[in-house]
């Protein structure tokens, strides 16, 4: 990684990482799905979806000046590295990939890691997601033609990645009271968003396309809230079209 910094004067270098537990080692899905993340290429000129799915702050080498005024908020303890990564991607002048495994991430079998505990504490995790998203959103402002493309990729990452993870964990847990509270929190959040944000494909892919599957896993009262959630999304999408 230092060799890449020296040769190309990079501000940020991303290495590959591998997950492991007591039984196996395996590449995370992003490295199997996005082939470009396995190559030593410069990505600054065309920030893309592949880069935005690597939101971990670990396994990277940062130029000191890039992050010297960047901090993690102590009030956010889940996905706190997403806005951190967005800031570095948007402000680094030269970003390179190191196509080798330089970091090993232990995926524990027991629920002693925040990423594993998150579905067990969905309400606090949701608040972390919403707060983290607001911080990340600020880094894209002002929203220029180029930034709106990048911001939409970020929205998809938050909704189809983090939010879906919590939402599906709650649905599968079949706790009706938690279902209702989570639906109410998500409805409230979506109501607070600008229509053009909700028009992002991530909301449709997570909540609309999987509606039949989710409806079969919840009781009638929760189903009414879920229908309300779909109505709010549809209304926001229609408003986004009318504002274009």
C-alpha atoms as a PDB file:
ATOM      1  CA  UNK A   1       0.000   0.000   0.000  1.00  0.00           C
ATOM      2  CA  UNK A   2       2.847   2.369   0.794  1.00  0.00           C
ATOM      3  CA  UNK A   3       4.364   1.438  -2.559  1.00  0.00           C
ATOM      4  CA  UNK A   4       1.190   2.626  -4.287  1.00  0.00           C
ATOM      5  CA  UNK A   5       1.257   5.861  -2.269  1.00  0.00           C
ATOM      6  CA  UNK A   6       4.892   6.486  -3.214  1.00  0.00           C
ATOM      7  CA  UNK A   7       4.438   5.660  -6.884  1.00  0.00           C
ATOM      8  CA  UNK A   8       1.155   7.460  -7.556  1.00  0.00           C
ATOM      9  CA  UNK A   9       0.961  10.035  -4.730  1.00  0.00           C
ATOM     10  CA  UNK A  10      -2.371   8.538  -3.697  1.00  0.00           C
ATOM     11  CA  UNK A  11      -4.524  10.146  -1.019  1.00  0.00           C
ATOM     12  CA  UNK A  12      -6.364   6.915  -0.282  1.00  0.00           C
ATOM     13  CA  UNK A  13      -5.526   3.261  -0.916  1.00  0.00           C
ATOM     14  CA  UNK A  14      -8.109   0.480  -0.485  1.00  0.00           C
ATOM     15  CA  UNK A  15      -6.923  -3.033   0.244  1.00  0.00           C
ATOM     16  CA  UNK A  16      -8.986  -6.202  -0.008  1.00  0.00           C
ATOM     17  CA  UNK A  17     -10.125  -7.968   3.131  1.00  0.00           C
ATOM     18  CA  UNK A  18     -11.248 -11.486   3.971  1.00  0.00           C
ATOM     19  CA  UNK A  19     -13.754 -12.701   6.550  1.00  0.00           C
ATOM     20  CA  UNK A  20     -12.920 -15.661   8.761  1.00  0.00           C
ATOM     21  CA  UNK A  21     -14.265 -17.681  11.661  1.00  0.00           C
ATOM     22  CA  UNK A  22     -13.190 -20.893  13.361  1.00  0.00           C
ATOM     23  CA  UNK A  23     -14.399 -22.954  10.397  1.00  0.00           C
ATOM     24  CA  UNK A  24     -13.486 -21.052   7.236  1.00  0.00           C
ATOM     25  CA  UNK A  25     -12.080 -18.045   5.406  1.00  0.00           C
ATOM     26  CA  UNK A  26     -14.056 -16.381   2.626  1.00  0.00           C
ATOM     27  CA  UNK A  27     -14.166 -13.233   0.525  1.00  0.00           C
ATOM     28  CA  UNK A  28     -17.066 -10.861   1.287  1.00  0.00           C
ATOM     29  CA  UNK A  29     -19.782 -10.679  -1.348  1.00  0.00           C
ATOM     30  CA  UNK A  30     -18.608  -7.296  -2.663  1.00  0.00           C
ATOM     31  CA  UNK A  31     -15.353  -8.772  -3.970  1.00  0.00           C
ATOM     32  CA  UNK A  32     -17.210 -11.569  -5.730  1.00  0.00           C
ATOM     33  CA  UNK A  33     -19.922  -9.315  -7.108  1.00  0.00           C
ATOM     34  CA  UNK A  34     -17.773  -6.351  -8.164  1.00  0.00           C
ATOM     35  CA  UNK A  35     -14.744  -7.563 -10.105  1.00  0.00           C
ATOM     36  CA  UNK A  36     -13.166  -4.111 -10.325  1.00  0.00           C
ATOM     37  CA  UNK A  37     -12.487  -4.166  -6.580  1.00  0.00           C
ATOM     38  CA  UNK A  38     -10.006  -6.988  -7.227  1.00  0.00           C
ATOM     39  CA  UNK A  39      -7.896  -4.929  -9.619  1.00  0.00           C
ATOM     40  CA  UNK A  40      -5.172  -2.344  -9.117  1.00  0.00           C
ATOM     41  CA  UNK A  41      -6.991   0.506 -10.801  1.00  0.00           C
ATOM     42  CA  UNK A  42      -7.366   4.176 -10.133  1.00  0.00           C
ATOM     43  CA  UNK A  43     -11.002   4.951  -9.428  1.00  0.00           C
ATOM     44  CA  UNK A  44     -11.020   8.677  -8.675  1.00  0.00           C
ATOM     45  CA  UNK A  45     -11.999   9.764 -12.165  1.00  0.00           C
ATOM     46  CA  UNK A  46     -15.199   7.728 -12.078  1.00  0.00           C
ATOM     47  CA  UNK A  47     -16.459   6.978  -8.575  1.00  0.00           C
ATOM     48  CA  UNK A  48     -18.857   4.091  -8.951  1.00  0.00           C
ATOM     49  CA  UNK A  49     -21.130   1.661  -7.150  1.00  0.00           C
ATOM     50  CA  UNK A  50     -18.311  -0.810  -6.584  1.00  0.00           C
ATOM     51  CA  UNK A  51     -16.352   1.655  -4.492  1.00  0.00           C
ATOM     52  CA  UNK A  52     -19.374   2.772  -2.481  1.00  0.00           C
ATOM     53  CA  UNK A  53     -20.103  -0.756  -1.304  1.00  0.00           C
ATOM     54  CA  UNK A  54     -16.736  -0.878   0.458  1.00  0.00           C
ATOM     55  CA  UNK A  55     -17.721   1.354   3.366  1.00  0.00           C
ATOM     56  CA  UNK A  56     -15.493  -0.115   6.070  1.00  0.00           C
ATOM     57  CA  UNK A  57     -12.962   2.310   7.463  1.00  0.00           C
ATOM     58  CA  UNK A  58     -10.520  -0.519   8.146  1.00  0.00           C
ATOM     59  CA  UNK A  59      -8.217  -2.042   5.548  1.00  0.00           C
ATOM     60  CA  UNK A  60      -7.389   1.336   4.033  1.00  0.00           C
ATOM     61  CA  UNK A  61      -4.446   3.711   4.013  1.00  0.00           C
ATOM     62  CA  UNK A  62      -5.270   7.418   4.370  1.00  0.00           C
ATOM     63  CA  UNK A  63      -3.238  10.523   3.742  1.00  0.00           C
ATOM     64  CA  UNK A  64      -3.140  12.382   7.045  1.00  0.00           C
ATOM     65  CA  UNK A  65      -4.400  15.644   5.558  1.00  0.00           C
ATOM     66  CA  UNK A  66      -7.469  13.854   4.179  1.00  0.00           C
ATOM     67  CA  UNK A  67      -8.835  12.857   7.599  1.00  0.00           C
ATOM     68  CA  UNK A  68      -7.170  15.188  10.093  1.00  0.00           C
ATOM     69  CA  UNK A  69     -10.482  17.010  10.764  1.00  0.00           C
ATOM     70  CA  UNK A  70     -12.695  13.935  10.436  1.00  0.00           C
ATOM     71  CA  UNK A  71     -14.150  12.263  13.512  1.00  0.00           C
ATOM     72  CA  UNK A  72     -16.495   9.463  14.518  1.00  0.00           C
ATOM     73  CA  UNK A  73     -19.451  10.620  16.611  1.00  0.00           C
ATOM     74  CA  UNK A  74     -19.614   8.881  19.991  1.00  0.00           C
ATOM     75  CA  UNK A  75     -23.428   8.888  19.746  1.00  0.00           C
ATOM     76  CA  UNK A  76     -23.346   6.540  16.728  1.00  0.00           C
ATOM     77  CA  UNK A  77     -22.010   3.034  17.336  1.00  0.00           C
ATOM     78  CA  UNK A  78     -23.401   1.188  14.315  1.00  0.00           C
ATOM     79  CA  UNK A  79     -22.381   1.863  10.652  1.00  0.00           C
ATOM     80  CA  UNK A  80     -20.476   4.900  11.913  1.00  0.00           C
ATOM     81  CA  UNK A  81     -17.852   4.246   9.251  1.00  0.00           C
ATOM     82  CA  UNK A  82     -20.220   4.848   6.322  1.00  0.00           C
ATOM     83  CA  UNK A  83     -20.191   8.680   6.412  1.00  0.00           C
ATOM     84  CA  UNK A  84     -16.476   8.529   7.220  1.00  0.00           C
ATOM     85  CA  UNK A  85     -15.875   6.566   4.022  1.00  0.00           C
ATOM     86  CA  UNK A  86     -18.140   8.828   1.957  1.00  0.00           C
ATOM     87  CA  UNK A  87     -16.139  11.861   3.045  1.00  0.00           C
ATOM     88  CA  UNK A  88     -12.829  10.274   2.081  1.00  0.00           C
ATOM     89  CA  UNK A  89     -14.141   9.107  -1.312  1.00  0.00           C
ATOM     90  CA  UNK A  90     -15.519  12.530  -2.163  1.00  0.00           C
ATOM     91  CA  UNK A  91     -12.486  14.500  -1.007  1.00  0.00           C
ATOM     92  CA  UNK A  92      -9.533  12.326  -2.024  1.00  0.00           C
ATOM     93  CA  UNK A  93      -7.891  13.511  -5.241  1.00  0.00           C
ATOM     94  CA  UNK A  94      -6.318  10.143  -6.046  1.00  0.00           C
ATOM     95  CA  UNK A  95      -7.759   6.782  -4.969  1.00  0.00           C
ATOM     96  CA  UNK A  96      -6.137   3.451  -5.812  1.00  0.00           C
ATOM     97  CA  UNK A  97      -6.962  -0.170  -5.099  1.00  0.00           C
ATOM     98  CA  UNK A  98      -4.447  -2.691  -3.760  1.00  0.00           C
ATOM     99  CA  UNK A  99      -5.519  -6.088  -5.204  1.00  0.00           C
ATOM    100  CA  UNK A 100      -4.348  -8.199  -2.273  1.00  0.00           C
ATOM    101  CA  UNK A 101      -5.700  -9.303   1.111  1.00  0.00           C
ATOM    102  CA  UNK A 102      -4.319  -6.937   3.715  1.00  0.00           C
ATOM    103  CA  UNK A 103      -6.978  -7.238   6.402  1.00  0.00           C
ATOM    104  CA  UNK A 104      -8.719 -10.186   8.065  1.00  0.00           C
ATOM    105  CA  UNK A 105     -12.106  -9.604   9.701  1.00  0.00           C
ATOM    106  CA  UNK A 106     -13.302 -12.093  12.317  1.00  0.00           C
ATOM    107  CA  UNK A 107     -17.006 -12.945  12.021  1.00  0.00           C
ATOM    108  CA  UNK A 108     -17.814 -14.264  15.445  1.00  0.00           C
ATOM    109  CA  UNK A 109     -20.217 -17.090  16.048  1.00  0.00           C
ATOM    110  CA  UNK A 110     -21.617 -15.472  19.183  1.00  0.00           C
ATOM    111  CA  UNK A 111     -23.446 -12.149  19.364  1.00  0.00           C
ATOM    112  CA  UNK A 112     -20.554 -10.159  20.796  1.00  0.00           C
ATOM    113  CA  UNK A 113     -19.984  -7.878  17.838  1.00  0.00           C
ATOM    114  CA  UNK A 114     -22.027  -4.769  17.006  1.00  0.00           C
ATOM    115  CA  UNK A 115     -22.712  -5.981  13.483  1.00  0.00           C
ATOM    116  CA  UNK A 116     -24.223  -9.178  14.930  1.00  0.00           C
ATOM    117  CA  UNK A 117     -26.021  -7.502  17.822  1.00  0.00           C
ATOM    118  CA  UNK A 118     -27.660  -4.916  15.544  1.00  0.00           C
ATOM    119  CA  UNK A 119     -30.663  -7.059  14.462  1.00  0.00           C
ATOM    120  CA  UNK A 120     -31.273  -7.875  18.136  1.00  0.00           C
ATOM    121  CA  UNK A 121     -31.513  -4.154  18.934  1.00  0.00           C
ATOM    122  CA  UNK A 122     -33.351  -2.926  15.840  1.00  0.00           C
ATOM    123  CA  UNK A 123     -34.738   0.360  17.187  1.00  0.00           C
ATOM    124  CA  UNK A 124     -31.391   1.713  18.359  1.00  0.00           C
ATOM    125  CA  UNK A 125     -29.763   0.371  15.186  1.00  0.00           C
ATOM    126  CA  UNK A 126     -32.342   2.172  13.033  1.00  0.00           C
ATOM    127  CA  UNK A 127     -31.649   5.452  14.811  1.00  0.00           C
ATOM    128  CA  UNK A 128     -27.953   4.920  14.134  1.00  0.00           C
ATOM    129  CA  UNK A 129     -28.669   4.315  10.439  1.00  0.00           C
ATOM    130  CA  UNK A 130     -30.805   7.447  10.162  1.00  0.00           C
ATOM    131  CA  UNK A 131     -28.272   9.632  12.006  1.00  0.00           C
ATOM    132  CA  UNK A 132     -25.375   8.228   9.999  1.00  0.00           C
ATOM    133  CA  UNK A 133     -27.252   8.875   6.755  1.00  0.00           C
ATOM    134  CA  UNK A 134     -27.833  12.534   7.657  1.00  0.00           C
ATOM    135  CA  UNK A 135     -24.126  13.014   8.329  1.00  0.00           C
ATOM    136  CA  UNK A 136     -23.171  11.329   5.065  1.00  0.00           C
ATOM    137  CA  UNK A 137     -25.749  13.403   3.189  1.00  0.00           C
ATOM    138  CA  UNK A 138     -24.010  16.612   4.232  1.00  0.00           C
ATOM    139  CA  UNK A 139     -20.784  15.514   2.543  1.00  0.00           C
ATOM    140  CA  UNK A 140     -22.505  15.470  -0.865  1.00  0.00           C
ATOM    141  CA  UNK A 141     -23.758  19.049  -0.591  1.00  0.00           C
ATOM    142  CA  UNK A 142     -24.107  21.143  -2.598  1.00  0.00           C
ATOM    143  CA  UNK A 143     -25.848  18.564  -4.788  1.00  0.00           C
ATOM    144  CA  UNK A 144     -24.306  19.075  -8.230  1.00  0.00           C
ATOM    145  CA  UNK A 145     -25.071  16.998 -11.345  1.00  0.00           C
ATOM    146  CA  UNK A 146     -22.159  14.681 -10.558  1.00  0.00           C
ATOM    147  CA  UNK A 147     -22.867  14.553  -6.832  1.00  0.00           C
ATOM    148  CA  UNK A 148     -26.491  13.557  -7.312  1.00  0.00           C
ATOM    149  CA  UNK A 149     -25.357  10.430  -9.168  1.00  0.00           C
ATOM    150  CA  UNK A 150     -22.938   9.562  -6.380  1.00  0.00           C
ATOM    151  CA  UNK A 151     -25.473  10.396  -3.689  1.00  0.00           C
ATOM    152  CA  UNK A 152     -27.992   8.034  -5.264  1.00  0.00           C
ATOM    153  CA  UNK A 153     -25.395   5.262  -5.052  1.00  0.00           C
ATOM    154  CA  UNK A 154     -24.941   6.097  -1.375  1.00  0.00           C
ATOM    155  CA  UNK A 155     -28.720   6.030  -0.771  1.00  0.00           C
ATOM    156  CA  UNK A 156     -28.894   2.576  -2.371  1.00  0.00           C
ATOM    157  CA  UNK A 157     -26.060   1.383  -0.137  1.00  0.00           C
ATOM    158  CA  UNK A 158     -27.804   2.600   3.019  1.00  0.00           C
ATOM    159  CA  UNK A 159     -31.250   1.238   2.112  1.00  0.00           C
ATOM    160  CA  UNK A 160     -30.361  -1.997   0.294  1.00  0.00           C
ATOM    161  CA  UNK A 161     -27.463  -2.724   2.633  1.00  0.00           C
ATOM    162  CA  UNK A 162     -27.863  -1.474   6.193  1.00  0.00           C
ATOM    163  CA  UNK A 163     -31.614  -0.817   6.421  1.00  0.00           C
ATOM    164  CA  UNK A 164     -32.577  -4.064   4.692  1.00  0.00           C
ATOM    165  CA  UNK A 165     -30.312  -6.016   7.050  1.00  0.00           C
ATOM    166  CA  UNK A 166     -32.103  -4.665  10.120  1.00  0.00           C
ATOM    167  CA  UNK A 167     -35.582  -4.841   8.564  1.00  0.00           C
ATOM    168  CA  UNK A 168     -35.289  -8.476   7.480  1.00  0.00           C
ATOM    169  CA  UNK A 169     -33.786  -9.433  10.821  1.00  0.00           C
ATOM    170  CA  UNK A 170     -36.848  -7.997  12.552  1.00  0.00           C
ATOM    171  CA  UNK A 171     -39.293  -9.689  10.159  1.00  0.00           C
ATOM    172  CA  UNK A 172     -37.704 -13.106  10.655  1.00  0.00           C
ATOM    173  CA  UNK A 173     -37.746 -12.673  14.436  1.00  0.00           C
ATOM    174  CA  UNK A 174     -41.579 -12.636  14.318  1.00  0.00           C
ATOM    175  CA  UNK A 175     -41.938 -10.353  17.359  1.00  0.00           C
ATOM    176  CA  UNK A 176     -45.173  -8.528  16.538  1.00  0.00           C
ATOM    177  CA  UNK A 177     -44.584  -5.632  18.936  1.00  0.00           C
ATOM    178  CA  UNK A 178     -41.121  -4.999  17.514  1.00  0.00           C
ATOM    179  CA  UNK A 179     -42.552  -5.230  13.971  1.00  0.00           C
ATOM    180  CA  UNK A 180     -44.934  -2.376  14.681  1.00  0.00           C
ATOM    181  CA  UNK A 181     -42.351  -0.157  16.345  1.00  0.00           C
ATOM    182  CA  UNK A 182     -39.884  -0.690  13.501  1.00  0.00           C
ATOM    183  CA  UNK A 183     -42.541   0.010  10.848  1.00  0.00           C
ATOM    184  CA  UNK A 184     -43.508   3.213  12.655  1.00  0.00           C
ATOM    185  CA  UNK A 185     -39.878   4.384  12.861  1.00  0.00           C
ATOM    186  CA  UNK A 186     -39.264   3.702   9.162  1.00  0.00           C
ATOM    187  CA  UNK A 187     -42.520   5.399   8.142  1.00  0.00           C
ATOM    188  CA  UNK A 188     -41.589   8.444  10.201  1.00  0.00           C
ATOM    189  CA  UNK A 189     -38.112   8.559   8.642  1.00  0.00           C
ATOM    190  CA  UNK A 190     -39.353   8.206   5.069  1.00  0.00           C
ATOM    191  CA  UNK A 191     -41.939  10.931   5.689  1.00  0.00           C
ATOM    192  CA  UNK A 192     -39.077  13.246   6.682  1.00  0.00           C
ATOM    193  CA  UNK A 193     -37.106  12.643   3.469  1.00  0.00           C
ATOM    194  CA  UNK A 194     -37.265  14.669   0.283  1.00  0.00           C
ATOM    195  CA  UNK A 195     -39.344  12.894  -2.396  1.00  0.00           C
ATOM    196  CA  UNK A 196     -36.406  12.610  -4.807  1.00  0.00           C
ATOM    197  CA  UNK A 197     -34.458  10.663  -2.170  1.00  0.00           C
ATOM    198  CA  UNK A 198     -37.292   8.137  -1.744  1.00  0.00           C
ATOM    199  CA  UNK A 199     -37.511   7.769  -5.526  1.00  0.00           C
ATOM    200  CA  UNK A 200     -34.176   5.932  -5.319  1.00  0.00           C
ATOM    201  CA  UNK A 201     -34.448   2.326  -6.526  1.00  0.00           C
ATOM    202  CA  UNK A 202     -33.256   1.064  -3.162  1.00  0.00           C
ATOM    203  CA  UNK A 203     -36.630   1.767  -1.527  1.00  0.00           C
ATOM    204  CA  UNK A 204     -38.503  -0.047  -4.281  1.00  0.00           C
ATOM    205  CA  UNK A 205     -36.160  -3.034  -4.281  1.00  0.00           C
ATOM    206  CA  UNK A 206     -36.261  -3.525  -0.522  1.00  0.00           C
ATOM    207  CA  UNK A 207     -39.832  -2.688   0.460  1.00  0.00           C
ATOM    208  CA  UNK A 208     -41.958  -2.977  -2.685  1.00  0.00           C
ATOM    209  CA  UNK A 209     -40.486  -5.927  -4.566  1.00  0.00           C
ATOM    210  CA  UNK A 210     -40.370  -8.061  -1.411  1.00  0.00           C
ATOM    211  CA  UNK A 211     -43.829  -7.066  -0.156  1.00  0.00           C
ATOM    212  CA  UNK A 212     -45.460 -10.469  -0.695  1.00  0.00           C
ATOM    213  CA  UNK A 213     -42.671 -12.259   1.146  1.00  0.00           C
ATOM    214  CA  UNK A 214     -42.793  -9.872   4.100  1.00  0.00           C
ATOM    215  CA  UNK A 215     -46.589  -9.825   4.348  1.00  0.00           C
ATOM    216  CA  UNK A 216     -46.601 -13.593   4.851  1.00  0.00           C
ATOM    217  CA  UNK A 217     -44.422 -13.204   7.948  1.00  0.00           C
ATOM    218  CA  UNK A 218     -46.367 -10.574   9.914  1.00  0.00           C
ATOM    219  CA  UNK A 219     -49.718 -10.361  11.709  1.00  0.00           C
ATOM    220  CA  UNK A 220     -52.715  -8.299  10.541  1.00  0.00           C
ATOM    221  CA  UNK A 221     -51.931  -5.216  12.629  1.00  0.00           C
ATOM    222  CA  UNK A 222     -48.342  -5.119  11.403  1.00  0.00           C
ATOM    223  CA  UNK A 223     -49.593  -5.736   7.867  1.00  0.00           C
ATOM    224  CA  UNK A 224     -51.673  -2.560   8.056  1.00  0.00           C
ATOM    225  CA  UNK A 225     -48.561  -0.605   9.051  1.00  0.00           C
ATOM    226  CA  UNK A 226     -46.608  -2.217   6.248  1.00  0.00           C
ATOM    227  CA  UNK A 227     -49.299  -1.206   3.755  1.00  0.00           C
ATOM    228  CA  UNK A 228     -49.030   2.330   5.166  1.00  0.00           C
ATOM    229  CA  UNK A 229     -45.267   2.152   4.624  1.00  0.00           C
ATOM    230  CA  UNK A 230     -45.821   1.189   0.984  1.00  0.00           C
ATOM    231  CA  UNK A 231     -48.348   4.007   0.589  1.00  0.00           C
ATOM    232  CA  UNK A 232     -45.878   6.566   1.942  1.00  0.00           C
ATOM    233  CA  UNK A 233     -43.182   5.340  -0.441  1.00  0.00           C
ATOM    234  CA  UNK A 234     -45.575   5.451  -3.408  1.00  0.00           C
ATOM    235  CA  UNK A 235     -46.737   8.974  -2.512  1.00  0.00           C
ATOM    236  CA  UNK A 236     -43.164  10.217  -2.210  1.00  0.00           C
ATOM    237  CA  UNK A 237     -42.244   8.660  -5.557  1.00  0.00           C
ATOM    238  CA  UNK A 238     -45.234  10.303  -7.240  1.00  0.00           C
ATOM    239  CA  UNK A 239     -44.257  13.658  -5.766  1.00  0.00           C
ATOM    240  CA  UNK A 240     -40.730  13.208  -7.070  1.00  0.00           C
ATOM    241  CA  UNK A 241     -42.080  12.650 -10.594  1.00  0.00           C
ATOM    242  CA  UNK A 242     -44.347  15.691 -10.395  1.00  0.00           C
ATOM    243  CA  UNK A 243     -41.445  17.889  -9.251  1.00  0.00           C
ATOM    244  CA  UNK A 244     -39.179  16.955 -12.159  1.00  0.00           C
END
